[in-house]
Amino acid sequence: MAKRETGKAKVSCESCFFGQNELCALALDEPCATYRPAERGLRPERQLRFVFRTARTRSAYAFPLPG
């Protein structure tokens, strides 16, 4: 399977927050699972908001009665 180009900059240990602040103790050839972009700091990525659809929560078929 071929890799797709996503347009994102290639991640490396040099661009990692932990690597730039000398907090990384790993000697790997590729970034680890704890990679964080240095320019963002330790802020987590934005997550999607969960929004209820009003039409479905008010319908009789959305929550059937036990029976």
C-alpha atoms as a PDB file:
ATOM      1  CA  MET A   1       0.000   0.000   0.000  1.00  0.00           C
ATOM      2  CA  ALA A   2       1.436   3.402  -0.965  1.00  0.00           C
ATOM      3  CA  LYS A   3       1.699   6.280   1.488  1.00  0.00           C
ATOM      4  CA  ARG A   4      -0.502   9.266   0.772  1.00  0.00           C
ATOM      5  CA  GLU A   5       0.802  12.811   0.896  1.00  0.00           C
ATOM      6  CA  THR A   6      -1.288  14.684   3.465  1.00  0.00           C
ATOM      7  CA  GLY A   7       0.301  18.111   3.162  1.00  0.00           C
ATOM      8  CA  LYS A   8       1.414  18.097   6.789  1.00  0.00           C
ATOM      9  CA  ALA A   9       4.998  18.752   7.741  1.00  0.00           C
ATOM     10  CA  LYS A  10       7.008  15.639   8.461  1.00  0.00           C
ATOM     11  CA  VAL A  11       7.201  14.965  12.188  1.00  0.00           C
ATOM     12  CA  SER A  12      10.572  14.316  13.762  1.00  0.00           C
ATOM     13  CA  CYS A  13      12.121  14.260  17.200  1.00  0.00           C
ATOM     14  CA  GLU A  14      13.724  17.636  16.427  1.00  0.00           C
ATOM     15  CA  SER A  15      10.272  19.237  16.074  1.00  0.00           C
ATOM     16  CA  CYS A  16       8.907  17.545  19.215  1.00  0.00           C
ATOM     17  CA  PHE A  17       8.212  19.549  22.390  1.00  0.00           C
ATOM     18  CA  PHE A  18       9.981  16.954  24.540  1.00  0.00           C
ATOM     19  CA  GLY A  19      13.020  16.775  22.257  1.00  0.00           C
ATOM     20  CA  GLN A  20      13.475  20.542  22.054  1.00  0.00           C
ATOM     21  CA  ASN A  21      13.196  20.940  25.840  1.00  0.00           C
ATOM     22  CA  GLU A  22      15.558  18.014  26.522  1.00  0.00           C
ATOM     23  CA  LEU A  23      12.809  16.000  28.202  1.00  0.00           C
ATOM     24  CA  CYS A  24      13.016  12.953  25.926  1.00  0.00           C
ATOM     25  CA  ALA A  25      15.070   9.972  27.049  1.00  0.00           C
ATOM     26  CA  LEU A  26      14.308   7.761  24.046  1.00  0.00           C
ATOM     27  CA  ALA A  27      16.759   7.030  21.259  1.00  0.00           C
ATOM     28  CA  LEU A  28      14.425   6.098  18.394  1.00  0.00           C
ATOM     29  CA  ASP A  29      14.632   6.448  14.616  1.00  0.00           C
ATOM     30  CA  GLU A  30      11.094   7.819  14.411  1.00  0.00           C
ATOM     31  CA  PRO A  31       8.814   9.903  16.647  1.00  0.00           C
ATOM     32  CA  CYS A  32       7.176   8.016  19.502  1.00  0.00           C
ATOM     33  CA  ALA A  33       3.515   7.905  20.551  1.00  0.00           C
ATOM     34  CA  THR A  34       3.974  10.880  22.898  1.00  0.00           C
ATOM     35  CA  TYR A  35       5.047  13.250  20.084  1.00  0.00           C
ATOM     36  CA  ARG A  36       3.768  16.821  20.561  1.00  0.00           C
ATOM     37  CA  PRO A  37       4.554  19.668  18.143  1.00  0.00           C
ATOM     38  CA  ALA A  38       6.864  22.154  19.863  1.00  0.00           C
ATOM     39  CA  GLU A  39       5.026  25.234  18.566  1.00  0.00           C
ATOM     40  CA  ARG A  40       1.790  24.081  20.246  1.00  0.00           C
ATOM     41  CA  GLY A  41       3.405  23.277  23.580  1.00  0.00           C
ATOM     42  CA  LEU A  42       1.542  20.724  25.666  1.00  0.00           C
ATOM     43  CA  ARG A  43      -1.954  21.956  24.779  1.00  0.00           C
ATOM     44  CA  PRO A  44      -4.127  19.040  23.664  1.00  0.00           C
ATOM     45  CA  GLU A  45      -5.704  19.038  20.224  1.00  0.00           C
ATOM     46  CA  ARG A  46      -9.203  20.442  19.876  1.00  0.00           C
ATOM     47  CA  GLN A  47     -11.902  17.825  20.118  1.00  0.00           C
ATOM     48  CA  LEU A  48     -15.225  17.801  18.349  1.00  0.00           C
ATOM     49  CA  ARG A  49     -18.261  18.898  20.332  1.00  0.00           C
ATOM     50  CA  PHE A  50     -21.094  16.446  20.870  1.00  0.00           C
ATOM     51  CA  VAL A  51     -24.400  18.024  19.809  1.00  0.00           C
ATOM     52  CA  PHE A  52     -27.794  16.355  20.116  1.00  0.00           C
ATOM     53  CA  ARG A  53     -30.099  16.575  17.144  1.00  0.00           C
ATOM     54  CA  THR A  54     -33.314  18.083  18.504  1.00  0.00           C
ATOM     55  CA  ALA A  55     -35.571  16.423  15.910  1.00  0.00           C
ATOM     56  CA  ARG A  56     -34.505  12.937  16.950  1.00  0.00           C
ATOM     57  CA  THR A  57     -34.546  13.466  20.751  1.00  0.00           C
ATOM     58  CA  ARG A  58     -38.182  14.609  20.621  1.00  0.00           C
ATOM     59  CA  SER A  59     -39.506  11.867  18.352  1.00  0.00           C
ATOM     60  CA  ALA A  60     -41.508   8.962  19.688  1.00  0.00           C
ATOM     61  CA  TYR A  61     -39.370   6.413  17.845  1.00  0.00           C
ATOM     62  CA  ALA A  62     -36.105   7.697  19.372  1.00  0.00           C
ATOM     63  CA  PHE A  63     -36.767   6.211  22.818  1.00  0.00           C
ATOM     64  CA  PRO A  64     -39.193   3.270  22.619  1.00  0.00           C
ATOM     65  CA  LEU A  65     -41.181   2.452  25.727  1.00  0.00           C
ATOM     66  CA  PRO A  66     -40.333  -0.818  27.504  1.00  0.00           C
ATOM     67  CA  GLY A  67     -42.869  -3.322  27.011  1.00  0.00           C
END
